[in-house]
Amino acid sequence: MRVLIVNTSERTGGAAVAANRLMKALVNHGVKAKMLVRDKETDSLTVIGLPKSPMLHWHFLWERLVVFVRSRFSRKHLFEIDLANTGSDITRLPEFQEADVIHLHWINQGMLSLSGIKKILQSGKPVVWTMHDIWPATAICHLTLSCRSFTSACKSCRLLPGGSRLAQSVWRKKQRLLEDGNISFVACSHWLEQEAKSSALLKGHKITSIPNPIDTHIYNNRCNKQEARQRLGLPADKKLILFVSQRVTNRNKGMDYLIEACRLLQFTLHNAQCTMHSAQCTMGVVILGGHAEEVADQIPFETYPLGYVNDEHRIVDAYNAVDVFVLPSLSENLPNTIMEAMACGVPCVGFRVGGIPEEIDHQQNGYVADYRSAEDLARGIRWILTEADYESLSQHAVQKVAQKYSQQSVALKYLEVYQQAMAFKHYGL
């Protein structure tokens, strides 16, 4: 079986990481899998970049320009909306033509247009689409938050001034696209699966749930904590909290809640007959991601910004160096970062939203905090660091990843989806 995985980026972003890991898992199970990307970042022979052309950058710019104009020249939601009004035609590429299954992942920001996806469907090849967010089931947004318009029809959009009819136009285009072709949709979490099934756009389409895989030969807790701290230049004598985001200032990742939780922790430590100085000395916050310098001075504890990191060995060191991982996101599918931290034996704290409660078993391998509650977030961090049986939490975290997210189990589930999609095309089942 030959599978072509299609994603905008090779390594940047959670979807790229998940798609890359799936490709490796499939290859390890005898599948001839390749990955087609617009942004090729390594010399990997199994990852193919789109043919070099000025049009690749133009596709990205044109879509952003249309969004910018429809937003009345506001940048506020510029990257929260995708129209798929322009993109590359991949159907002529030899990698496409030789593939048995086309597996779409995150194809936005000028990678594929809706008309390009229509050509893929018209090729007659089975198409599987892994949803890394809700965009395939809405008109133009990646995060619905409290909006439920997609359950009936997106006639306007909260992200555009005055609602705008742009959402209605894109919804109709998607509707026509899906009427003409059959796609097997896969959500990365049970939560997203249920959200997708409630979409009027995907009514009647097959939707299932398969988690992202992780390579536990890379992400594990066999690294010595003090050695990891030494390699990263982190202090040996502090309790360290880790926060990870591609862009730390992305409000949806919840840095504001972590800042407030740290202030509450500082107050708690002070009231526990610690001096303000010693309270600050016992805790530290490690930040993995860009723009950390913009928030560092708001955190009451010493901060250690590591910047944006692509090197997996350095990322694994970061997980192994800390005591707790905190992800206070306002919307999440099935975050790779929680899976990575757990594989390294690090208990996690996150809000009760999206697929996070599917990963974190409350007070068994981490702590699930009440949604948007900085107080409960602080309570969870403090519980893990000062009250819980830390070794038990760590062991349960590692066991959960091994049982649910191993390469083998995920690859086998996808093979079943591919075979069903191929049978549907062949027999018209």
Protein backbone atom coordinates (compact mmCIF):
# COMPACT_ATOMS: atom_id res chain seq x y z
CA MET A 1 0.00 0.00 0.00
CA ARG A 2 1.26 3.48 -0.94
CA VAL A 3 0.01 6.37 1.17
CA LEU A 4 0.64 10.07 0.46
CA ILE A 5 0.31 12.23 3.57
CA VAL A 6 -0.37 15.88 2.70
CA ASN A 7 0.37 18.68 5.18
CA THR A 8 1.34 22.34 4.82
CA SER A 9 4.52 22.08 6.88
CA GLU A 10 7.00 19.29 7.49
CA ARG A 11 7.83 20.08 11.12
CA THR A 12 6.30 23.37 12.26
CA GLY A 13 3.09 23.08 14.28
CA GLY A 14 1.30 20.26 16.06
CA ALA A 15 -0.31 18.85 12.91
CA ALA A 16 3.07 18.65 11.17
CA VAL A 17 4.60 16.82 14.12
CA ALA A 18 1.66 14.38 14.25
CA ALA A 19 1.68 13.77 10.48
CA ASN A 20 5.44 13.13 10.50
CA ARG A 21 5.10 10.67 13.37
CA LEU A 22 2.28 8.86 11.60
CA MET A 23 4.38 8.55 8.44
CA LYS A 24 7.21 6.95 10.43
CA ALA A 25 4.77 4.64 12.24
CA LEU A 26 3.30 3.49 8.92
CA VAL A 27 6.74 2.93 7.38
CA ASN A 28 7.67 0.82 10.41
CA HIS A 29 4.63 -1.35 9.63
CA GLY A 30 5.48 -1.99 5.99
CA VAL A 31 3.47 0.83 4.39
CA LYS A 32 5.16 2.85 1.62
CA ALA A 33 4.25 6.21 3.12
CA LYS A 34 5.50 9.58 1.92
CA MET A 35 4.72 13.10 3.04
CA LEU A 36 4.02 16.00 0.66
CA VAL A 37 4.52 19.49 2.11
CA ARG A 38 4.80 23.09 1.00
CA ASP A 39 7.39 23.94 3.67
CA LYS A 40 10.12 21.30 3.52
CA GLU A 41 12.57 21.78 6.39
CA THR A 42 14.83 18.70 6.35
CA ASP A 43 16.64 16.51 3.83
CA SER A 44 14.40 13.49 4.61
CA LEU A 45 13.93 11.33 1.50
CA THR A 46 10.39 10.39 2.53
CA VAL A 47 9.27 14.04 2.65
CA ILE A 48 8.68 15.76 -0.70
CA GLY A 49 8.33 19.50 -1.08
CA LEU A 50 6.06 21.09 -3.66
CA PRO A 51 7.95 22.18 -6.80
CA LYS A 52 9.64 25.53 -6.19
CA SER A 53 7.60 28.42 -7.52
CA PRO A 54 6.88 32.07 -6.61
CA MET A 55 3.21 31.01 -6.62
CA LEU A 56 3.65 29.10 -3.35
CA HIS A 57 4.28 32.35 -1.46
CA TRP A 58 1.65 34.17 -3.50
CA HIS A 59 -1.02 31.64 -2.55
CA PHE A 60 -0.30 32.34 1.13
CA LEU A 61 -0.24 36.13 0.65
CA TRP A 62 -3.40 36.25 -1.47
CA GLU A 63 -5.49 34.38 1.09
CA ARG A 64 -4.19 36.56 3.94
CA LEU A 65 -4.92 39.69 1.88
CA VAL A 66 -8.54 38.65 1.30
CA VAL A 67 -8.97 37.92 5.02
CA PHE A 68 -7.29 41.24 5.90
CA VAL A 69 -9.63 43.20 3.64
CA ARG A 70 -12.75 41.36 4.88
CA SER A 71 -11.57 42.05 8.46
CA ARG A 72 -11.62 45.77 7.62
CA PHE A 73 -7.81 45.87 7.77
CA SER A 74 -7.61 44.48 11.29
CA ARG A 75 -4.90 41.93 12.12
CA LYS A 76 -6.74 40.68 15.22
CA HIS A 77 -8.02 37.42 13.70
CA LEU A 78 -5.80 37.32 10.62
CA PHE A 79 -4.50 33.80 11.28
CA GLU A 80 -7.64 32.38 12.88
CA ILE A 81 -9.45 32.25 9.54
CA ASP A 82 -8.75 30.19 6.41
CA LEU A 83 -10.70 30.39 3.17
CA ALA A 84 -8.88 27.84 0.98
CA ASN A 85 -9.52 30.21 -1.94
CA THR A 86 -6.12 29.47 -3.47
CA GLY A 87 -3.54 26.70 -3.39
CA SER A 88 -1.51 24.18 -5.41
CA ASP A 89 -2.78 21.45 -7.72
CA ILE A 90 -1.03 18.29 -6.50
CA THR A 91 -2.83 15.81 -8.76
CA ARG A 92 -0.17 16.02 -11.49
CA LEU A 93 2.72 15.15 -9.19
CA PRO A 94 4.18 11.64 -9.59
CA GLU A 95 3.90 11.06 -5.83
CA PHE A 96 0.15 11.68 -6.08
CA GLN A 97 -0.32 9.51 -9.15
CA GLU A 98 1.48 6.50 -7.65
CA ALA A 99 -0.35 6.68 -4.30
CA ASP A 100 -3.16 4.25 -3.40
CA VAL A 101 -4.54 6.53 -0.65
CA ILE A 102 -4.38 10.33 -0.27
CA HIS A 103 -4.26 11.29 3.38
CA LEU A 104 -4.92 14.98 4.06
CA HIS A 105 -3.90 16.58 7.33
CA TRP A 106 -3.61 20.36 7.98
CA ILE A 107 -3.64 21.83 4.45
CA ASN A 108 -4.36 25.51 5.13
CA GLN A 109 -2.61 28.85 4.55
CA GLY A 110 -2.29 28.38 0.80
CA MET A 111 -1.35 24.70 0.60
CA LEU A 112 -4.59 23.41 -0.97
CA SER A 113 -7.66 25.26 -2.19
CA LEU A 114 -11.19 23.89 -2.15
CA SER A 115 -11.00 23.51 -5.93
CA GLY A 116 -7.71 21.64 -5.45
CA ILE A 117 -9.38 19.25 -3.00
CA LYS A 118 -12.18 18.78 -5.54
CA LYS A 119 -9.60 17.69 -8.14
CA ILE A 120 -8.20 15.19 -5.63
CA LEU A 121 -11.68 13.73 -5.13
CA GLN A 122 -12.30 13.64 -8.88
CA SER A 123 -9.12 11.59 -9.35
CA GLY A 124 -10.98 8.62 -7.96
CA LYS A 125 -8.39 7.89 -5.27
CA PRO A 126 -9.58 7.12 -1.72
CA VAL A 127 -9.22 10.20 0.50
CA VAL A 128 -8.74 10.18 4.26
CA TRP A 129 -8.69 13.50 6.12
CA THR A 130 -7.32 13.74 9.65
CA MET A 131 -8.83 16.69 11.49
CA HIS A 132 -6.32 18.46 13.71
CA ASP A 133 -8.91 21.14 14.44
CA ILE A 134 -12.54 21.86 13.54
CA TRP A 135 -11.89 23.73 10.22
CA PRO A 136 -13.03 20.87 7.91
CA ALA A 137 -16.40 20.94 9.73
CA THR A 138 -16.91 24.73 9.76
CA ALA A 139 -16.85 27.46 7.14
CA ILE A 140 -13.67 29.39 7.92
CA CYS A 141 -12.62 29.07 11.59
CA HIS A 142 -10.26 26.64 13.35
CA LEU A 143 -11.64 27.24 16.86
CA THR A 144 -15.36 27.47 17.51
CA LEU A 145 -15.10 28.14 21.28
CA SER A 146 -18.70 29.02 22.27
CA CYS A 147 -20.02 29.42 18.69
CA ARG A 148 -22.36 26.61 17.53
CA SER A 149 -23.34 27.96 14.11
CA PHE A 150 -21.59 25.04 12.38
CA THR A 151 -24.24 22.66 13.75
CA SER A 152 -26.78 24.24 11.36
CA ALA A 153 -24.93 26.48 8.88
CA CYS A 154 -22.26 29.17 9.14
CA LYS A 155 -24.17 32.17 7.81
CA SER A 156 -21.92 34.73 9.45
CA CYS A 157 -18.78 34.66 11.59
CA ARG A 158 -17.95 36.09 15.01
CA LEU A 159 -14.37 36.66 13.81
CA LEU A 160 -15.34 39.12 11.07
CA PRO A 161 -16.75 42.66 11.53
CA GLY A 162 -20.48 42.70 11.12
CA GLY A 163 -20.49 38.92 10.69
CA SER A 164 -19.69 39.17 6.96
CA ARG A 165 -21.23 36.87 4.37
CA LEU A 166 -17.82 35.44 3.55
CA ALA A 167 -18.43 32.53 5.94
CA GLN A 168 -21.72 31.70 4.21
CA SER A 169 -20.01 31.71 0.81
CA VAL A 170 -17.22 29.36 1.90
CA TRP A 171 -19.73 27.09 3.67
CA ARG A 172 -21.66 26.64 0.42
CA LYS A 173 -18.45 25.86 -1.48
CA LYS A 174 -17.52 23.22 1.07
CA GLN A 175 -21.03 21.84 0.92
CA ARG A 176 -20.85 21.39 -2.86
CA LEU A 177 -17.38 19.87 -2.56
CA LEU A 178 -18.51 17.24 -0.06
CA GLU A 179 -21.64 16.40 -2.03
CA ASP A 180 -19.49 15.37 -5.01
CA GLY A 181 -16.93 13.22 -3.21
CA ASN A 182 -16.58 10.83 -0.31
CA ILE A 183 -14.00 11.48 2.40
CA SER A 184 -13.20 9.32 5.43
CA PHE A 185 -12.71 11.78 8.28
CA VAL A 186 -10.55 10.98 11.30
CA ALA A 187 -10.53 13.11 14.45
CA CYS A 188 -7.58 12.95 16.82
CA SER A 189 -9.81 12.88 19.90
CA HIS A 190 -13.25 11.59 20.85
CA TRP A 191 -14.19 15.17 21.68
CA LEU A 192 -13.41 16.40 18.15
CA GLU A 193 -15.15 13.35 16.70
CA GLN A 194 -18.37 14.32 18.47
CA GLU A 195 -17.97 17.97 17.42
CA ALA A 196 -17.48 16.90 13.80
CA LYS A 197 -20.52 14.63 13.93
CA SER A 198 -22.63 17.58 15.09
CA SER A 199 -21.59 19.63 12.03
CA ALA A 200 -24.29 20.06 9.40
CA LEU A 201 -21.50 20.17 6.83
CA LEU A 202 -20.29 16.63 7.54
CA LYS A 203 -23.70 15.03 7.96
CA GLY A 204 -23.68 11.55 6.43
CA HIS A 205 -19.89 11.30 6.24
CA LYS A 206 -17.91 8.61 8.01
CA ILE A 207 -16.10 10.06 11.03
CA THR A 208 -13.98 8.08 13.45
CA SER A 209 -11.40 8.84 16.14
CA ILE A 210 -7.73 7.79 16.21
CA PRO A 211 -5.15 9.49 18.46
CA ASN A 212 -1.82 10.81 17.25
CA PRO A 213 1.12 8.41 17.72
CA ILE A 214 4.32 9.06 19.63
CA ASP A 215 7.72 7.38 19.43
CA THR A 216 8.50 6.30 22.98
CA HIS A 217 12.04 5.38 21.92
CA ILE A 218 12.62 9.15 21.70
CA TYR A 219 10.17 10.49 24.28
CA ASN A 220 10.82 8.67 27.55
CA ASN A 221 11.99 9.26 31.11
CA ARG A 222 15.32 7.47 30.88
CA CYS A 223 17.15 10.81 30.94
CA ASN A 224 18.60 11.98 34.27
CA LYS A 225 16.81 15.12 35.51
CA GLN A 226 19.92 16.90 36.82
CA GLU A 227 21.90 16.13 33.66
CA ALA A 228 19.05 17.48 31.53
CA ARG A 229 18.96 20.66 33.60
CA GLN A 230 22.69 21.06 33.27
CA ARG A 231 22.54 20.73 29.48
CA LEU A 232 19.81 23.38 29.29
CA GLY A 233 21.38 25.72 31.82
CA LEU A 234 18.52 25.32 34.30
CA PRO A 235 18.87 25.50 38.10
CA ALA A 236 19.29 22.25 40.02
CA ASP A 237 17.45 23.36 43.19
CA LYS A 238 14.06 24.62 41.96
CA LYS A 239 10.68 23.09 41.29
CA LEU A 240 10.23 23.83 37.59
CA ILE A 241 6.96 24.38 35.70
CA LEU A 242 7.04 23.97 31.91
CA PHE A 243 4.88 25.84 29.40
CA VAL A 244 5.13 25.06 25.66
CA SER A 245 3.61 26.88 22.70
CA GLN A 246 4.79 27.64 19.20
CA ARG A 247 3.93 31.28 19.97
CA VAL A 248 3.74 31.97 23.69
CA THR A 249 1.60 35.09 23.19
CA ASN A 250 -1.19 33.12 21.46
CA ARG A 251 -4.08 33.92 23.81
CA ASN A 252 -5.78 30.60 23.09
CA LYS A 253 -2.83 28.78 24.69
CA GLY A 254 -3.73 30.38 28.02
CA MET A 255 -0.51 32.05 29.18
CA ASP A 256 -2.64 34.67 31.01
CA TYR A 257 -4.08 31.88 33.17
CA LEU A 258 -0.64 30.49 33.94
CA ILE A 259 0.58 33.95 34.96
CA GLU A 260 -2.39 34.35 37.31
CA ALA A 261 -1.92 30.82 38.67
CA CYS A 262 1.74 31.62 39.42
CA ARG A 263 0.70 34.76 41.29
CA LEU A 264 -1.71 32.69 43.36
CA LEU A 265 1.04 30.13 44.03
CA GLN A 266 3.36 32.90 45.11
CA PHE A 267 0.72 34.20 47.53
CA THR A 268 0.11 30.67 48.89
CA LEU A 269 3.81 30.07 49.43
CA HIS A 270 4.13 33.41 51.18
CA ASN A 271 1.20 32.62 53.47
CA ALA A 272 2.75 29.24 54.26
CA GLN A 273 5.31 31.15 56.32
CA CYS A 274 7.78 31.53 53.45
CA THR A 275 9.33 34.86 52.80
CA MET A 276 8.58 36.42 49.42
CA HIS A 277 12.22 35.92 48.51
CA SER A 278 12.31 32.22 49.35
CA ALA A 279 8.97 31.63 47.62
CA GLN A 280 10.40 33.00 44.42
CA CYS A 281 13.56 30.97 44.85
CA THR A 282 11.82 27.60 45.18
CA MET A 283 9.85 27.86 41.92
CA GLY A 284 10.72 28.58 38.32
CA VAL A 285 8.93 28.61 34.95
CA VAL A 286 10.56 27.17 31.84
CA ILE A 287 9.10 28.46 28.57
CA LEU A 288 9.54 26.63 25.29
CA GLY A 289 8.39 28.73 22.33
CA GLY A 290 8.68 32.08 20.61
CA HIS A 291 7.99 35.54 22.11
CA ALA A 292 8.60 34.43 25.71
CA GLU A 293 10.38 37.71 26.44
CA GLU A 294 7.03 39.50 26.04
CA VAL A 295 5.52 37.76 29.08
CA ALA A 296 8.54 36.87 31.25
CA ASP A 297 8.36 39.98 33.43
CA GLN A 298 4.69 39.27 34.28
CA ILE A 299 5.51 35.94 35.95
CA PRO A 300 6.38 36.29 39.68
CA PHE A 301 8.91 33.44 39.56
CA GLU A 302 12.24 33.27 37.79
CA THR A 303 11.66 32.42 34.13
CA TYR A 304 13.88 30.42 31.77
CA PRO A 305 12.95 31.05 28.11
CA LEU A 306 14.43 28.39 25.83
CA GLY A 307 13.04 29.90 22.60
CA TYR A 308 11.43 27.98 19.74
CA VAL A 309 13.10 24.56 19.49
CA ASN A 310 12.90 22.00 16.68
CA ASP A 311 15.62 19.66 17.97
CA GLU A 312 13.81 16.66 19.47
CA HIS A 313 16.69 15.80 21.81
CA ARG A 314 16.58 19.30 23.30
CA ILE A 315 12.79 19.10 23.61
CA VAL A 316 13.08 15.76 25.44
CA ASP A 317 15.66 17.34 27.76
CA ALA A 318 13.19 20.14 28.52
CA TYR A 319 10.49 17.66 29.55
CA ASN A 320 12.88 15.57 31.62
CA ALA A 321 14.28 18.65 33.36
CA VAL A 322 10.96 19.86 34.80
CA ASP A 323 8.58 18.72 37.54
CA VAL A 324 5.20 19.57 36.02
CA PHE A 325 3.87 20.51 32.59
CA VAL A 326 1.02 23.03 32.37
CA LEU A 327 -1.16 23.63 29.30
CA PRO A 328 -4.03 26.03 30.13
CA SER A 329 -5.36 26.12 26.54
CA LEU A 330 -8.87 27.42 25.91
CA SER A 331 -9.42 24.94 23.09
CA GLU A 332 -7.45 21.79 22.25
CA ASN A 333 -7.88 18.65 20.19
CA LEU A 334 -5.41 16.08 21.52
CA PRO A 335 -2.25 18.09 22.24
CA ASN A 336 1.05 16.41 21.34
CA THR A 337 2.76 18.33 24.14
CA ILE A 338 0.77 16.62 26.91
CA MET A 339 1.47 13.25 25.29
CA GLU A 340 5.20 14.07 25.08
CA ALA A 341 5.38 15.22 28.70
CA MET A 342 3.55 12.12 29.94
CA ALA A 343 5.84 9.84 27.91
CA CYS A 344 8.73 11.48 29.78
CA GLY A 345 7.04 10.76 33.11
CA VAL A 346 6.00 14.37 33.77
CA PRO A 347 2.56 14.88 35.39
CA CYS A 348 0.43 17.43 33.51
CA VAL A 349 -2.13 20.08 34.39
CA GLY A 350 -4.67 21.34 31.87
CA PHE A 351 -8.20 22.68 31.64
CA ARG A 352 -11.22 20.42 31.23
CA VAL A 353 -11.66 21.22 27.54
CA GLY A 354 -11.46 19.38 24.22
CA GLY A 355 -9.39 16.21 24.27
CA ILE A 356 -7.29 17.14 27.33
CA PRO A 357 -9.40 15.04 29.77
CA GLU A 358 -8.88 12.06 27.42
CA GLU A 359 -5.14 12.30 27.99
CA ILE A 360 -4.96 13.39 31.64
CA ASP A 361 -6.71 11.06 34.08
CA HIS A 362 -7.57 13.36 36.97
CA GLN A 363 -5.33 12.79 40.01
CA GLN A 364 -3.99 9.55 38.48
CA ASN A 365 -1.37 10.87 36.07
CA GLY A 366 -2.02 14.60 36.39
CA TYR A 367 -4.68 17.15 37.23
CA VAL A 368 -7.66 18.36 35.16
CA ALA A 369 -8.57 21.89 36.24
CA ASP A 370 -11.93 23.61 35.91
CA TYR A 371 -12.18 25.48 32.62
CA ARG A 372 -10.73 29.01 32.72
CA SER A 373 -10.07 28.77 36.46
CA ALA A 374 -6.64 30.10 37.39
CA GLU A 375 -7.41 29.16 40.99
CA ASP A 376 -7.93 25.47 40.14
CA LEU A 377 -4.92 25.57 37.83
CA ALA A 378 -2.79 26.77 40.76
CA ARG A 379 -4.39 24.15 43.00
CA GLY A 380 -3.44 21.42 40.52
CA ILE A 381 0.17 22.57 40.24
CA ARG A 382 0.50 22.79 44.02
CA TRP A 383 -1.14 19.37 44.49
CA ILE A 384 1.30 17.69 42.10
CA LEU A 385 4.39 19.39 43.55
CA THR A 386 3.61 19.19 47.27
CA GLU A 387 0.81 16.73 48.07
CA ALA A 388 0.51 13.89 45.52
CA ASP A 389 2.52 10.68 45.29
CA TYR A 390 4.75 12.05 42.53
CA GLU A 391 6.34 8.72 41.57
CA SER A 392 2.92 7.11 41.15
CA LEU A 393 1.72 9.98 38.94
CA SER A 394 4.85 9.69 36.82
CA GLN A 395 4.54 5.91 36.38
CA HIS A 396 0.85 6.14 35.44
CA ALA A 397 1.64 8.84 32.88
CA VAL A 398 4.22 6.64 31.16
CA GLN A 399 1.87 3.63 31.20
CA LYS A 400 -1.02 5.63 29.69
CA VAL A 401 1.09 6.70 26.70
CA ALA A 402 2.42 3.18 26.12
CA GLN A 403 -1.11 1.73 26.14
CA LYS A 404 -2.98 4.38 24.13
CA TYR A 405 -0.59 6.27 21.86
CA SER A 406 2.08 3.81 20.72
CA GLN A 407 3.13 3.80 17.06
CA GLN A 408 1.94 0.22 16.61
CA SER A 409 -1.60 0.69 17.88
CA VAL A 410 -2.15 3.92 15.93
CA ALA A 411 -0.66 2.54 12.69
CA LEU A 412 -2.91 -0.53 12.82
CA LYS A 413 -6.01 1.65 13.29
CA TYR A 414 -5.10 3.79 10.29
CA LEU A 415 -4.43 0.71 8.15
CA GLU A 416 -8.00 -0.36 8.85
CA VAL A 417 -9.31 3.07 7.78
CA TYR A 418 -7.25 2.94 4.55
CA GLN A 419 -8.50 -0.53 3.70
CA GLN A 420 -12.12 0.48 4.28
CA ALA A 421 -11.68 3.59 2.12
CA MET A 422 -10.12 1.53 -0.68
CA ALA A 423 -12.91 -1.05 -0.47
CA PHE A 424 -15.53 1.72 -0.67
CA LYS A 425 -13.93 3.08 -3.84
CA HIS A 426 -13.55 -0.37 -5.38
CA TYR A 427 -16.92 -1.85 -4.57
CA GLY A 428 -18.94 1.32 -4.01
CA LEU A 429 -19.94 0.08 -0.56
